Amino acid sequence: MAKIQNAPAYTGDITHQQLDPAREYTAENQEITFSQDQHAIWADLFAGVHQPYLLEHVCQEYKMGLSLLELDAHHIPTVAHLNERITPRTGWHIERTAVRYTVADDWYAKFTKRIFLITDYLRTRDQMEFTPEPDMFHDIFGHLPFLTQEFYARIEDKFAPAYYKATTAEREVIKRLAWYSTEFGVIIQDNRFKIFGAGIISGRRELTHTIMEFYRLGRDNVIDYSKNVYEQLLDQFKINKNNLHRIIDGVNELHQKGQMSSGEDGWNVVLGLYDKLGIPRQGCFGGEVILVPFDVETIAKIPKTVYAFNPMFFVCESLEKMDELLDSYLKPIAERS
């Protein structure tokens, strides 16, 4: 089996790599021999997130899929193990790639063949609670439990057909819709916020910040959990829409300056942005995460997907509604002649 090489340092944006395309997805790169230190990092990441008090805030479908995937808490799984548990259930196939994070075209080309890519890169000890770049723990622990289930396979099936018939501008919106649903999405189940996005689930800092926001909204009387949660969130959105759009513009400007590429800096600069814009840190702006109804128009206004740091997560009132909203944008594009 091939032995993994040390990956280059990540700067907060897509890493440019010179790879031989003929070797990128070859059999020798699929089953990698990992070091004891890498298995130990996996074990600590797994233990850090696989806690009842955290997983109770994750949607039911994820927990069901995690059980079906049968991950080893102490060892990085083989590609064969993953495919044995995913392919018979949904028809999707897992491939390991040497690319740490790449342009969307490469990923969507694989999506057309129902292939989900996982990277060979694993974060280092200094990135245990927050990594700005998707690594194999994110790919496997965050996404693949869902990929054991048909509903998630259907969601992933939507993006590539639309992407390849979309204009350049539409492709940017499609990437954001994928990012703010499967990566950083939240849904409502049993009138409570439940985490859906793999980026939140696999990042302990983002996971804990998001859960704390669920509690803060109740504590500060922004959300009354004895009433319809989604309707209240929608009311907050209508009242604060202008300021939300100002924050989107401000976050994008910070990201372009390279100020969003670390967890520590990221949370602090967003709080500083509120002061700069004159937005009081109260109500829906009182925490370190902003929850916003899943709104295609608002997501489309985000000038650039913030790969390194996400202060705003989008909430769907159900998985069925997420399916409907994604279809409303993607299906007409996919059906073009």
C-alpha atoms as a PDB file:
ATOM      1  CA  MET A   1       0.000   0.000   0.000  1.00  0.00           C
ATOM      2  CA  ALA A   2       1.149   3.555  -0.704  1.00  0.00           C
ATOM      3  CA  LYS A   3       2.481   5.581   2.177  1.00  0.00           C
ATOM      4  CA  ILE A   4       0.985   9.025   2.697  1.00  0.00           C
ATOM      5  CA  GLN A   5       3.218  12.053   2.215  1.00  0.00           C
ATOM      6  CA  ASN A   6       3.230  15.212   4.315  1.00  0.00           C
ATOM      7  CA  ALA A   7       0.811  17.696   2.772  1.00  0.00           C
ATOM      8  CA  PRO A   8       1.703  21.360   2.193  1.00  0.00           C
ATOM      9  CA  ALA A   9       0.574  24.020   4.630  1.00  0.00           C
ATOM     10  CA  TYR A  10      -2.925  25.396   4.103  1.00  0.00           C
ATOM     11  CA  THR A  11      -3.424  29.137   3.778  1.00  0.00           C
ATOM     12  CA  GLY A  12      -7.220  29.420   3.870  1.00  0.00           C
ATOM     13  CA  ASP A  13      -7.984  29.006   0.175  1.00  0.00           C
ATOM     14  CA  ILE A  14      -7.923  26.190  -2.356  1.00  0.00           C
ATOM     15  CA  THR A  15      -4.434  24.688  -2.448  1.00  0.00           C
ATOM     16  CA  HIS A  16      -2.757  24.718  -5.848  1.00  0.00           C
ATOM     17  CA  GLN A  17      -1.137  21.367  -6.538  1.00  0.00           C
ATOM     18  CA  GLN A  18       0.797  19.906  -9.424  1.00  0.00           C
ATOM     19  CA  LEU A  19      -0.311  16.286  -9.615  1.00  0.00           C
ATOM     20  CA  ASP A  20       0.038  13.707 -12.322  1.00  0.00           C
ATOM     21  CA  PRO A  21      -3.598  13.109 -13.423  1.00  0.00           C
ATOM     22  CA  ALA A  22      -2.691   9.549 -14.393  1.00  0.00           C
ATOM     23  CA  ARG A  23      -1.790   8.779 -10.768  1.00  0.00           C
ATOM     24  CA  GLU A  24      -4.392  10.797  -8.907  1.00  0.00           C
ATOM     25  CA  TYR A  25      -7.069   8.099  -8.563  1.00  0.00           C
ATOM     26  CA  THR A  26      -5.072   4.933  -9.235  1.00  0.00           C
ATOM     27  CA  ALA A  27      -5.496   1.789  -7.168  1.00  0.00           C
ATOM     28  CA  GLU A  28      -2.183   2.326  -5.390  1.00  0.00           C
ATOM     29  CA  ASN A  29      -3.539   5.574  -3.903  1.00  0.00           C
ATOM     30  CA  GLN A  30      -6.773   4.045  -2.577  1.00  0.00           C
ATOM     31  CA  GLU A  31      -5.511   1.992   0.364  1.00  0.00           C
ATOM     32  CA  ILE A  32      -2.909   3.964   2.271  1.00  0.00           C
ATOM     33  CA  THR A  33      -0.760   2.892   5.189  1.00  0.00           C
ATOM     34  CA  PHE A  34      -1.250   5.482   7.918  1.00  0.00           C
ATOM     35  CA  SER A  35       1.138   6.057  10.798  1.00  0.00           C
ATOM     36  CA  GLN A  36       0.361   5.355  14.449  1.00  0.00           C
ATOM     37  CA  ASP A  37       0.304   9.118  15.031  1.00  0.00           C
ATOM     38  CA  GLN A  38      -2.311   9.574  12.303  1.00  0.00           C
ATOM     39  CA  HIS A  39      -4.509   6.828  13.732  1.00  0.00           C
ATOM     40  CA  ALA A  40      -4.103   8.505  17.142  1.00  0.00           C
ATOM     41  CA  ILE A  41      -5.254  11.851  15.708  1.00  0.00           C
ATOM     42  CA  TRP A  42      -8.263  10.084  14.145  1.00  0.00           C
ATOM     43  CA  ALA A  43      -9.076   8.454  17.504  1.00  0.00           C
ATOM     44  CA  ASP A  44      -8.910  11.768  19.362  1.00  0.00           C
ATOM     45  CA  LEU A  45     -11.020  13.544  16.739  1.00  0.00           C
ATOM     46  CA  PHE A  46     -13.581  10.732  16.894  1.00  0.00           C
ATOM     47  CA  ALA A  47     -13.728  10.794  20.687  1.00  0.00           C
ATOM     48  CA  GLY A  48     -14.009  14.581  20.730  1.00  0.00           C
ATOM     49  CA  VAL A  49     -17.179  14.620  18.634  1.00  0.00           C
ATOM     50  CA  HIS A  50     -18.698  11.202  19.383  1.00  0.00           C
ATOM     51  CA  GLN A  51     -20.242  12.371  22.648  1.00  0.00           C
ATOM     52  CA  PRO A  52     -23.943  11.994  23.584  1.00  0.00           C
ATOM     53  CA  TYR A  53     -24.235  15.629  24.708  1.00  0.00           C
ATOM     54  CA  LEU A  54     -23.063  16.749  21.237  1.00  0.00           C
ATOM     55  CA  LEU A  55     -24.745  14.144  19.028  1.00  0.00           C
ATOM     56  CA  GLU A  56     -28.156  14.825  20.583  1.00  0.00           C
ATOM     57  CA  HIS A  57     -28.109  18.055  18.552  1.00  0.00           C
ATOM     58  CA  VAL A  58     -27.385  16.271  15.251  1.00  0.00           C
ATOM     59  CA  CYS A  59     -30.236  15.132  13.011  1.00  0.00           C
ATOM     60  CA  GLN A  60     -31.569  11.587  13.320  1.00  0.00           C
ATOM     61  CA  GLU A  61     -30.539  10.609   9.793  1.00  0.00           C
ATOM     62  CA  TYR A  62     -26.883  11.212  10.582  1.00  0.00           C
ATOM     63  CA  LYS A  63     -26.950   9.090  13.726  1.00  0.00           C
ATOM     64  CA  MET A  64     -28.664   6.266  11.846  1.00  0.00           C
ATOM     65  CA  GLY A  65     -26.047   6.459   9.096  1.00  0.00           C
ATOM     66  CA  LEU A  66     -23.167   6.540  11.570  1.00  0.00           C
ATOM     67  CA  SER A  67     -24.395   3.255  13.005  1.00  0.00           C
ATOM     68  CA  LEU A  68     -24.632   1.726   9.526  1.00  0.00           C
ATOM     69  CA  LEU A  69     -21.146   2.900   8.559  1.00  0.00           C
ATOM     70  CA  GLU A  70     -19.568   1.059  11.523  1.00  0.00           C
ATOM     71  CA  LEU A  71     -16.507   3.277  11.820  1.00  0.00           C
ATOM     72  CA  ASP A  72     -13.624   2.146  14.021  1.00  0.00           C
ATOM     73  CA  ALA A  73     -13.141   4.751  16.743  1.00  0.00           C
ATOM     74  CA  HIS A  74      -9.386   4.082  16.835  1.00  0.00           C
ATOM     75  CA  HIS A  75      -8.374   3.514  13.215  1.00  0.00           C
ATOM     76  CA  ILE A  76      -8.839   5.332   9.908  1.00  0.00           C
ATOM     77  CA  PRO A  77     -11.116   3.119   7.769  1.00  0.00           C
ATOM     78  CA  THR A  78     -10.069   1.588   4.487  1.00  0.00           C
ATOM     79  CA  VAL A  79     -11.796   2.561   1.253  1.00  0.00           C
ATOM     80  CA  ALA A  80     -12.977  -1.042   0.953  1.00  0.00           C
ATOM     81  CA  HIS A  81     -14.689  -0.845   4.365  1.00  0.00           C
ATOM     82  CA  LEU A  82     -16.530   2.324   3.319  1.00  0.00           C
ATOM     83  CA  ASN A  83     -17.651   0.974  -0.047  1.00  0.00           C
ATOM     84  CA  GLU A  84     -18.897  -2.268   1.498  1.00  0.00           C
ATOM     85  CA  ARG A  85     -21.322  -0.235   3.636  1.00  0.00           C
ATOM     86  CA  ILE A  86     -22.271   2.500   1.178  1.00  0.00           C
ATOM     87  CA  THR A  87     -22.420   1.117  -2.369  1.00  0.00           C
ATOM     88  CA  PRO A  88     -25.006  -1.679  -1.731  1.00  0.00           C
ATOM     89  CA  ARG A  89     -27.303   0.838  -0.016  1.00  0.00           C
ATOM     90  CA  THR A  90     -27.193   3.877  -2.324  1.00  0.00           C
ATOM     91  CA  GLY A  91     -25.072   2.989  -5.362  1.00  0.00           C
ATOM     92  CA  TRP A  92     -22.453   5.616  -4.560  1.00  0.00           C
ATOM     93  CA  HIS A  93     -18.783   4.679  -4.588  1.00  0.00           C
ATOM     94  CA  ILE A  94     -15.906   6.125  -2.554  1.00  0.00           C
ATOM     95  CA  GLU A  95     -12.534   7.053  -4.053  1.00  0.00           C
ATOM     96  CA  ARG A  96      -9.517   8.505  -2.301  1.00  0.00           C
ATOM     97  CA  THR A  97      -7.804  11.465  -3.965  1.00  0.00           C
ATOM     98  CA  ALA A  98      -4.370  12.996  -3.508  1.00  0.00           C
ATOM     99  CA  VAL A  99      -5.884  16.439  -4.031  1.00  0.00           C
ATOM    100  CA  ARG A 100      -6.377  18.181  -0.704  1.00  0.00           C
ATOM    101  CA  TYR A 101      -9.084  20.492  -1.954  1.00  0.00           C
ATOM    102  CA  THR A 102      -9.691  21.257  -5.571  1.00  0.00           C
ATOM    103  CA  VAL A 103     -11.791  23.282  -7.959  1.00  0.00           C
ATOM    104  CA  ALA A 104     -15.438  22.254  -8.181  1.00  0.00           C
ATOM    105  CA  ASP A 105     -15.209  20.992 -11.762  1.00  0.00           C
ATOM    106  CA  ASP A 106     -13.122  17.979 -10.695  1.00  0.00           C
ATOM    107  CA  TRP A 107     -15.550  17.020  -7.953  1.00  0.00           C
ATOM    108  CA  TYR A 108     -18.667  17.376 -10.063  1.00  0.00           C
ATOM    109  CA  ALA A 109     -17.090  15.241 -12.790  1.00  0.00           C
ATOM    110  CA  LYS A 110     -16.883  12.455 -10.210  1.00  0.00           C
ATOM    111  CA  PHE A 111     -20.406  13.198  -8.959  1.00  0.00           C
ATOM    112  CA  THR A 112     -21.775  12.453 -12.440  1.00  0.00           C
ATOM    113  CA  LYS A 113     -20.434   8.910 -11.947  1.00  0.00           C
ATOM    114  CA  ARG A 114     -21.820   8.752  -8.370  1.00  0.00           C
ATOM    115  CA  ILE A 115     -18.303   8.805  -6.944  1.00  0.00           C
ATOM    116  CA  PHE A 116     -17.706  10.678  -3.689  1.00  0.00           C
ATOM    117  CA  LEU A 117     -14.104  11.746  -3.134  1.00  0.00           C
ATOM    118  CA  ILE A 118     -12.273  11.613   0.182  1.00  0.00           C
ATOM    119  CA  THR A 119      -8.866  13.201   0.566  1.00  0.00           C
ATOM    120  CA  ASP A 120      -5.711  11.463   1.798  1.00  0.00           C
ATOM    121  CA  TYR A 121      -4.949  14.488   3.992  1.00  0.00           C
ATOM    122  CA  LEU A 122      -5.494  14.405   7.782  1.00  0.00           C
ATOM    123  CA  ARG A 123      -5.307  17.532   9.909  1.00  0.00           C
ATOM    124  CA  THR A 124      -2.440  17.995  12.365  1.00  0.00           C
ATOM    125  CA  ARG A 125      -2.487  18.196  16.160  1.00  0.00           C
ATOM    126  CA  ASP A 126      -2.681  21.992  16.128  1.00  0.00           C
ATOM    127  CA  GLN A 127      -5.921  21.825  14.113  1.00  0.00           C
ATOM    128  CA  MET A 128      -7.845  19.372  16.275  1.00  0.00           C
ATOM    129  CA  GLU A 129     -10.793  21.654  17.056  1.00  0.00           C
ATOM    130  CA  PHE A 130     -10.866  23.664  13.847  1.00  0.00           C
ATOM    131  CA  THR A 131      -9.422  23.042  10.405  1.00  0.00           C
ATOM    132  CA  PRO A 132     -10.113  25.552   7.630  1.00  0.00           C
ATOM    133  CA  GLU A 133      -9.689  22.842   5.003  1.00  0.00           C
ATOM    134  CA  PRO A 134     -11.777  19.681   4.588  1.00  0.00           C
ATOM    135  CA  ASP A 135      -9.643  16.689   5.589  1.00  0.00           C
ATOM    136  CA  MET A 136     -10.351  12.954   5.605  1.00  0.00           C
ATOM    137  CA  PHE A 137     -11.984  13.103   9.049  1.00  0.00           C
ATOM    138  CA  HIS A 138     -14.400  15.694   7.704  1.00  0.00           C
ATOM    139  CA  ASP A 139     -15.020  13.681   4.538  1.00  0.00           C
ATOM    140  CA  ILE A 140     -15.551  10.348   6.291  1.00  0.00           C
ATOM    141  CA  PHE A 141     -17.056  11.227   9.671  1.00  0.00           C
ATOM    142  CA  GLY A 142     -19.037  14.222   8.402  1.00  0.00           C
ATOM    143  CA  HIS A 143     -20.403  13.120   5.026  1.00  0.00           C
ATOM    144  CA  LEU A 144     -20.294   9.364   4.675  1.00  0.00           C
ATOM    145  CA  PRO A 145     -22.803   8.373   7.385  1.00  0.00           C
ATOM    146  CA  PHE A 146     -25.371  10.268   5.299  1.00  0.00           C
ATOM    147  CA  LEU A 147     -24.269   8.562   2.089  1.00  0.00           C
ATOM    148  CA  THR A 148     -25.562   5.230   3.435  1.00  0.00           C
ATOM    149  CA  GLN A 149     -29.071   6.633   2.940  1.00  0.00           C
ATOM    150  CA  GLU A 150     -31.102   7.186  -0.199  1.00  0.00           C
ATOM    151  CA  PHE A 151     -32.368  10.681   0.618  1.00  0.00           C
ATOM    152  CA  TYR A 152     -28.808  12.014   0.842  1.00  0.00           C
ATOM    153  CA  ALA A 153     -27.771  10.233  -2.330  1.00  0.00           C
ATOM    154  CA  ARG A 154     -30.685  11.946  -4.079  1.00  0.00           C
ATOM    155  CA  ILE A 155     -29.537  15.343  -2.800  1.00  0.00           C
ATOM    156  CA  GLU A 156     -25.997  14.743  -4.034  1.00  0.00           C
ATOM    157  CA  ASP A 157     -27.414  13.546  -7.362  1.00  0.00           C
ATOM    158  CA  LYS A 158     -28.972  16.991  -7.954  1.00  0.00           C
ATOM    159  CA  PHE A 159     -25.847  19.106  -8.198  1.00  0.00           C
ATOM    160  CA  ALA A 160     -23.762  17.742 -11.088  1.00  0.00           C
ATOM    161  CA  PRO A 161     -26.529  17.674 -13.776  1.00  0.00           C
ATOM    162  CA  ALA A 162     -27.287  21.339 -13.072  1.00  0.00           C
ATOM    163  CA  TYR A 163     -23.638  22.338 -12.728  1.00  0.00           C
ATOM    164  CA  TYR A 164     -22.725  21.150 -16.212  1.00  0.00           C
ATOM    165  CA  LYS A 165     -25.594  23.055 -17.862  1.00  0.00           C
ATOM    166  CA  ALA A 166     -25.192  26.211 -15.777  1.00  0.00           C
ATOM    167  CA  THR A 167     -23.688  29.534 -16.747  1.00  0.00           C
ATOM    168  CA  THR A 168     -20.537  30.692 -14.964  1.00  0.00           C
ATOM    169  CA  ALA A 169     -22.599  32.831 -12.584  1.00  0.00           C
ATOM    170  CA  GLU A 170     -25.053  30.001 -11.916  1.00  0.00           C
ATOM    171  CA  ARG A 171     -22.181  27.642 -11.121  1.00  0.00           C
ATOM    172  CA  GLU A 172     -21.109  29.963  -8.323  1.00  0.00           C
ATOM    173  CA  VAL A 173     -24.625  29.835  -6.865  1.00  0.00           C
ATOM    174  CA  ILE A 174     -24.698  26.041  -7.175  1.00  0.00           C
ATOM    175  CA  LYS A 175     -21.434  25.754  -5.231  1.00  0.00           C
ATOM    176  CA  ARG A 176     -22.879  27.957  -2.485  1.00  0.00           C
ATOM    177  CA  LEU A 177     -26.119  25.973  -2.340  1.00  0.00           C
ATOM    178  CA  ALA A 178     -24.087  22.783  -1.862  1.00  0.00           C
ATOM    179  CA  TRP A 179     -21.904  24.469   0.755  1.00  0.00           C
ATOM    180  CA  TYR A 180     -24.765  25.841   2.830  1.00  0.00           C
ATOM    181  CA  SER A 181     -26.840  22.652   2.691  1.00  0.00           C
ATOM    182  CA  THR A 182     -24.638  19.551   2.847  1.00  0.00           C
ATOM    183  CA  GLU A 183     -21.674  21.317   4.483  1.00  0.00           C
ATOM    184  CA  PHE A 184     -23.192  23.910   6.816  1.00  0.00           C
ATOM    185  CA  GLY A 185     -26.908  23.209   6.879  1.00  0.00           C
ATOM    186  CA  VAL A 186     -29.240  23.058   9.874  1.00  0.00           C
ATOM    187  CA  ILE A 187     -32.771  21.613   9.863  1.00  0.00           C
ATOM    188  CA  ILE A 188     -35.759  21.570  12.204  1.00  0.00           C
ATOM    189  CA  GLN A 189     -36.793  18.245  13.739  1.00  0.00           C
ATOM    190  CA  ASP A 190     -39.344  17.949  16.538  1.00  0.00           C
ATOM    191  CA  ASN A 191     -39.435  21.777  16.676  1.00  0.00           C
ATOM    192  CA  ARG A 192     -35.729  21.939  17.568  1.00  0.00           C
ATOM    193  CA  PHE A 193     -32.661  22.959  15.596  1.00  0.00           C
ATOM    194  CA  LYS A 194     -30.707  19.909  14.462  1.00  0.00           C
ATOM    195  CA  ILE A 195     -27.338  19.964  12.712  1.00  0.00           C
ATOM    196  CA  PHE A 196     -27.209  18.533   9.195  1.00  0.00           C
ATOM    197  CA  GLY A 197     -24.030  19.905   7.622  1.00  0.00           C
ATOM    198  CA  ALA A 198     -20.883  17.760   7.568  1.00  0.00           C
ATOM    199  CA  GLY A 199     -18.680  20.800   8.121  1.00  0.00           C
ATOM    200  CA  ILE A 200     -20.371  21.506  11.454  1.00  0.00           C
ATOM    201  CA  ILE A 201     -20.528  17.880  12.556  1.00  0.00           C
ATOM    202  CA  SER A 202     -16.839  17.162  11.903  1.00  0.00           C
ATOM    203  CA  GLY A 203     -15.433  20.343  13.440  1.00  0.00           C
ATOM    204  CA  ARG A 204     -15.616  20.363  17.226  1.00  0.00           C
ATOM    205  CA  ARG A 205     -15.282  24.126  17.519  1.00  0.00           C
ATOM    206  CA  GLU A 206     -17.980  24.830  14.933  1.00  0.00           C
ATOM    207  CA  LEU A 207     -20.159  22.105  16.423  1.00  0.00           C
ATOM    208  CA  THR A 208     -19.941  23.449  19.970  1.00  0.00           C
ATOM    209  CA  HIS A 209     -20.392  27.072  18.870  1.00  0.00           C
ATOM    210  CA  THR A 210     -23.523  26.094  16.958  1.00  0.00           C
ATOM    211  CA  ILE A 211     -24.988  24.128  19.855  1.00  0.00           C
ATOM    212  CA  MET A 212     -24.276  27.028  22.209  1.00  0.00           C
ATOM    213  CA  GLU A 213     -26.212  29.274  19.837  1.00  0.00           C
ATOM    214  CA  PHE A 214     -29.245  26.985  20.065  1.00  0.00           C
ATOM    215  CA  TYR A 215     -29.224  27.488  23.843  1.00  0.00           C
ATOM    216  CA  ARG A 216     -28.439  31.224  23.663  1.00  0.00           C
ATOM    217  CA  LEU A 217     -31.417  31.914  21.414  1.00  0.00           C
ATOM    218  CA  GLY A 218     -33.670  30.470  24.110  1.00  0.00           C
ATOM    219  CA  ARG A 219     -31.833  32.118  26.987  1.00  0.00           C
ATOM    220  CA  ASP A 220     -32.014  35.572  25.384  1.00  0.00           C
ATOM    221  CA  ASN A 221     -35.686  35.167  24.442  1.00  0.00           C
ATOM    222  CA  VAL A 222     -34.954  35.349  20.726  1.00  0.00           C
ATOM    223  CA  ILE A 223     -36.622  31.976  20.169  1.00  0.00           C
ATOM    224  CA  ASP A 224     -39.425  30.548  22.292  1.00  0.00           C
ATOM    225  CA  TYR A 225     -39.084  26.779  21.955  1.00  0.00           C
ATOM    226  CA  SER A 226     -42.659  26.250  23.095  1.00  0.00           C
ATOM    227  CA  LYS A 227     -43.801  27.863  19.817  1.00  0.00           C
ATOM    228  CA  ASN A 228     -43.057  27.252  16.147  1.00  0.00           C
ATOM    229  CA  VAL A 229     -39.271  27.642  15.899  1.00  0.00           C
ATOM    230  CA  TYR A 230     -39.014  28.069  12.141  1.00  0.00           C
ATOM    231  CA  GLU A 231     -41.722  30.740  11.971  1.00  0.00           C
ATOM    232  CA  GLN A 232     -39.873  32.733  14.627  1.00  0.00           C
ATOM    233  CA  LEU A 233     -36.592  32.383  12.749  1.00  0.00           C
ATOM    234  CA  LEU A 234     -38.313  33.589   9.585  1.00  0.00           C
ATOM    235  CA  ASP A 235     -39.690  36.630  11.425  1.00  0.00           C
ATOM    236  CA  GLN A 236     -36.184  37.461  12.693  1.00  0.00           C
ATOM    237  CA  PHE A 237     -34.847  37.153   9.158  1.00  0.00           C
ATOM    238  CA  LYS A 238     -37.421  39.568   7.726  1.00  0.00           C
ATOM    239  CA  ILE A 239     -36.653  42.154  10.415  1.00  0.00           C
ATOM    240  CA  ASN A 240     -32.863  41.869  10.097  1.00  0.00           C
ATOM    241  CA  LYS A 241     -32.440  41.098   6.378  1.00  0.00           C
ATOM    242  CA  ASN A 242     -30.595  44.339   5.569  1.00  0.00           C
ATOM    243  CA  ASN A 243     -28.027  43.861   8.340  1.00  0.00           C
ATOM    244  CA  LEU A 244     -27.571  40.206   7.383  1.00  0.00           C
ATOM    245  CA  HIS A 245     -26.664  41.246   3.857  1.00  0.00           C
ATOM    246  CA  ARG A 246     -24.247  43.862   5.219  1.00  0.00           C
ATOM    247  CA  ILE A 247     -22.544  41.167   7.285  1.00  0.00           C
ATOM    248  CA  ILE A 248     -22.283  38.909   4.213  1.00  0.00           C
ATOM    249  CA  ASP A 249     -20.519  41.691   2.326  1.00  0.00           C
ATOM    250  CA  GLY A 250     -18.246  42.417   5.283  1.00  0.00           C
ATOM    251  CA  VAL A 251     -17.270  38.785   5.824  1.00  0.00           C
ATOM    252  CA  ASN A 252     -16.396  38.383   2.163  1.00  0.00           C
ATOM    253  CA  GLU A 253     -14.170  41.470   2.330  1.00  0.00           C
ATOM    254  CA  LEU A 254     -12.389  40.070   5.399  1.00  0.00           C
ATOM    255  CA  HIS A 255     -11.915  36.722   3.677  1.00  0.00           C
ATOM    256  CA  GLN A 256     -10.360  38.367   0.634  1.00  0.00           C
ATOM    257  CA  LYS A 257      -7.852  40.020   2.964  1.00  0.00           C
ATOM    258  CA  GLY A 258      -6.917  36.627   4.426  1.00  0.00           C
ATOM    259  CA  GLN A 259      -8.435  37.335   7.826  1.00  0.00           C
ATOM    260  CA  MET A 260     -10.783  34.338   7.914  1.00  0.00           C
ATOM    261  CA  SER A 261      -8.330  31.450   7.593  1.00  0.00           C
ATOM    262  CA  SER A 262      -8.039  30.459  11.255  1.00  0.00           C
ATOM    263  CA  GLY A 263     -10.557  29.570  13.903  1.00  0.00           C
ATOM    264  CA  GLU A 264      -9.223  31.996  16.506  1.00  0.00           C
ATOM    265  CA  ASP A 265      -9.064  34.967  14.168  1.00  0.00           C
ATOM    266  CA  GLY A 266     -12.264  34.080  12.394  1.00  0.00           C
ATOM    267  CA  TRP A 267     -14.610  34.275  15.371  1.00  0.00           C
ATOM    268  CA  ASN A 268     -12.988  37.460  16.674  1.00  0.00           C
ATOM    269  CA  VAL A 269     -12.978  39.407  13.417  1.00  0.00           C
ATOM    270  CA  VAL A 270     -16.670  38.746  12.856  1.00  0.00           C
ATOM    271  CA  LEU A 271     -17.466  40.181  16.270  1.00  0.00           C
ATOM    272  CA  GLY A 272     -15.296  43.161  15.359  1.00  0.00           C
ATOM    273  CA  LEU A 273     -17.229  43.493  12.112  1.00  0.00           C
ATOM    274  CA  TYR A 274     -20.453  44.031  14.054  1.00  0.00           C
ATOM    275  CA  ASP A 275     -18.832  47.026  15.787  1.00  0.00           C
ATOM    276  CA  LYS A 276     -17.545  48.412  12.487  1.00  0.00           C
ATOM    277  CA  LEU A 277     -21.013  48.172  10.949  1.00  0.00           C
ATOM    278  CA  GLY A 278     -22.766  49.506  14.048  1.00  0.00           C
ATOM    279  CA  ILE A 279     -24.815  46.327  14.569  1.00  0.00           C
ATOM    280  CA  PRO A 280     -25.620  45.707  18.265  1.00  0.00           C
ATOM    281  CA  ARG A 281     -24.581  42.263  19.529  1.00  0.00           C
ATOM    282  CA  GLN A 282     -28.050  41.266  20.570  1.00  0.00           C
ATOM    283  CA  GLY A 283     -31.024  39.312  19.286  1.00  0.00           C
ATOM    284  CA  CYS A 284     -30.047  37.101  16.358  1.00  0.00           C
ATOM    285  CA  PHE A 285     -26.615  38.807  16.347  1.00  0.00           C
ATOM    286  CA  GLY A 286     -25.884  38.060  20.011  1.00  0.00           C
ATOM    287  CA  GLY A 287     -23.876  34.863  19.517  1.00  0.00           C
ATOM    288  CA  GLU A 288     -20.918  33.689  17.481  1.00  0.00           C
ATOM    289  CA  VAL A 289     -23.088  31.904  14.896  1.00  0.00           C
ATOM    290  CA  ILE A 290     -25.945  33.480  12.950  1.00  0.00           C
ATOM    291  CA  LEU A 291     -28.833  31.179  12.036  1.00  0.00           C
ATOM    292  CA  VAL A 292     -30.740  32.228   8.923  1.00  0.00           C
ATOM    293  CA  PRO A 293     -33.652  30.559   7.061  1.00  0.00           C
ATOM    294  CA  PHE A 294     -32.438  28.688   3.962  1.00  0.00           C
ATOM    295  CA  ASP A 295     -33.082  31.333   1.331  1.00  0.00           C
ATOM    296  CA  VAL A 296     -31.708  30.878  -2.197  1.00  0.00           C
ATOM    297  CA  GLU A 297     -31.699  34.637  -2.844  1.00  0.00           C
ATOM    298  CA  THR A 298     -29.613  35.358   0.254  1.00  0.00           C
ATOM    299  CA  ILE A 299     -27.193  32.500  -0.386  1.00  0.00           C
ATOM    300  CA  ALA A 300     -26.755  33.760  -3.956  1.00  0.00           C
ATOM    301  CA  LYS A 301     -25.695  37.157  -2.586  1.00  0.00           C
ATOM    302  CA  ILE A 302     -22.689  35.653  -0.835  1.00  0.00           C
ATOM    303  CA  PRO A 303     -19.922  36.899  -3.150  1.00  0.00           C
ATOM    304  CA  LYS A 304     -17.603  33.998  -2.387  1.00  0.00           C
ATOM    305  CA  THR A 305     -17.984  30.759  -0.496  1.00  0.00           C
ATOM    306  CA  VAL A 306     -16.088  31.259   2.756  1.00  0.00           C
ATOM    307  CA  TYR A 307     -14.020  28.077   2.765  1.00  0.00           C
ATOM    308  CA  ALA A 308     -12.022  28.924   5.852  1.00  0.00           C
ATOM    309  CA  PHE A 309     -14.675  30.151   8.264  1.00  0.00           C
ATOM    310  CA  ASN A 310     -18.455  30.237   8.347  1.00  0.00           C
ATOM    311  CA  PRO A 311     -20.258  32.596  10.750  1.00  0.00           C
ATOM    312  CA  MET A 312     -23.662  32.106   9.098  1.00  0.00           C
ATOM    313  CA  PHE A 313     -25.567  28.815   8.845  1.00  0.00           C
ATOM    314  CA  PHE A 314     -28.812  28.304   6.926  1.00  0.00           C
ATOM    315  CA  VAL A 315     -31.815  26.491   8.396  1.00  0.00           C
ATOM    316  CA  CYS A 316     -34.437  24.421   6.530  1.00  0.00           C
ATOM    317  CA  GLU A 317     -37.731  23.615   8.204  1.00  0.00           C
ATOM    318  CA  SER A 318     -37.288  19.968   7.132  1.00  0.00           C
ATOM    319  CA  LEU A 319     -35.195  17.740   4.878  1.00  0.00           C
ATOM    320  CA  GLU A 320     -38.183  17.575   2.532  1.00  0.00           C
ATOM    321  CA  LYS A 321     -38.194  21.368   2.299  1.00  0.00           C
ATOM    322  CA  MET A 322     -34.456  21.391   1.623  1.00  0.00           C
ATOM    323  CA  ASP A 323     -35.072  18.970  -1.223  1.00  0.00           C
ATOM    324  CA  GLU A 324     -37.796  21.255  -2.577  1.00  0.00           C
ATOM    325  CA  LEU A 325     -35.706  24.437  -2.315  1.00  0.00           C
ATOM    326  CA  LEU A 326     -32.696  22.870  -4.016  1.00  0.00           C
ATOM    327  CA  ASP A 327     -34.965  21.602  -6.804  1.00  0.00           C
ATOM    328  CA  SER A 328     -36.414  25.082  -7.277  1.00  0.00           C
ATOM    329  CA  TYR A 329     -33.013  26.330  -8.437  1.00  0.00           C
ATOM    330  CA  LEU A 330     -31.241  23.229  -9.744  1.00  0.00           C
ATOM    331  CA  LYS A 331     -33.954  21.328 -11.615  1.00  0.00           C
ATOM    332  CA  PRO A 332     -34.784  23.999 -14.255  1.00  0.00           C
ATOM    333  CA  ILE A 333     -31.076  24.298 -15.071  1.00  0.00           C
ATOM    334  CA  ALA A 334     -30.558  20.519 -15.235  1.00  0.00           C
ATOM    335  CA  GLU A 335     -33.552  20.148 -17.601  1.00  0.00           C
ATOM    336  CA  ARG A 336     -32.228  22.590 -20.187  1.00  0.00           C
ATOM    337  CA  SER A 337     -31.768  21.080 -23.643  1.00  0.00           C
END
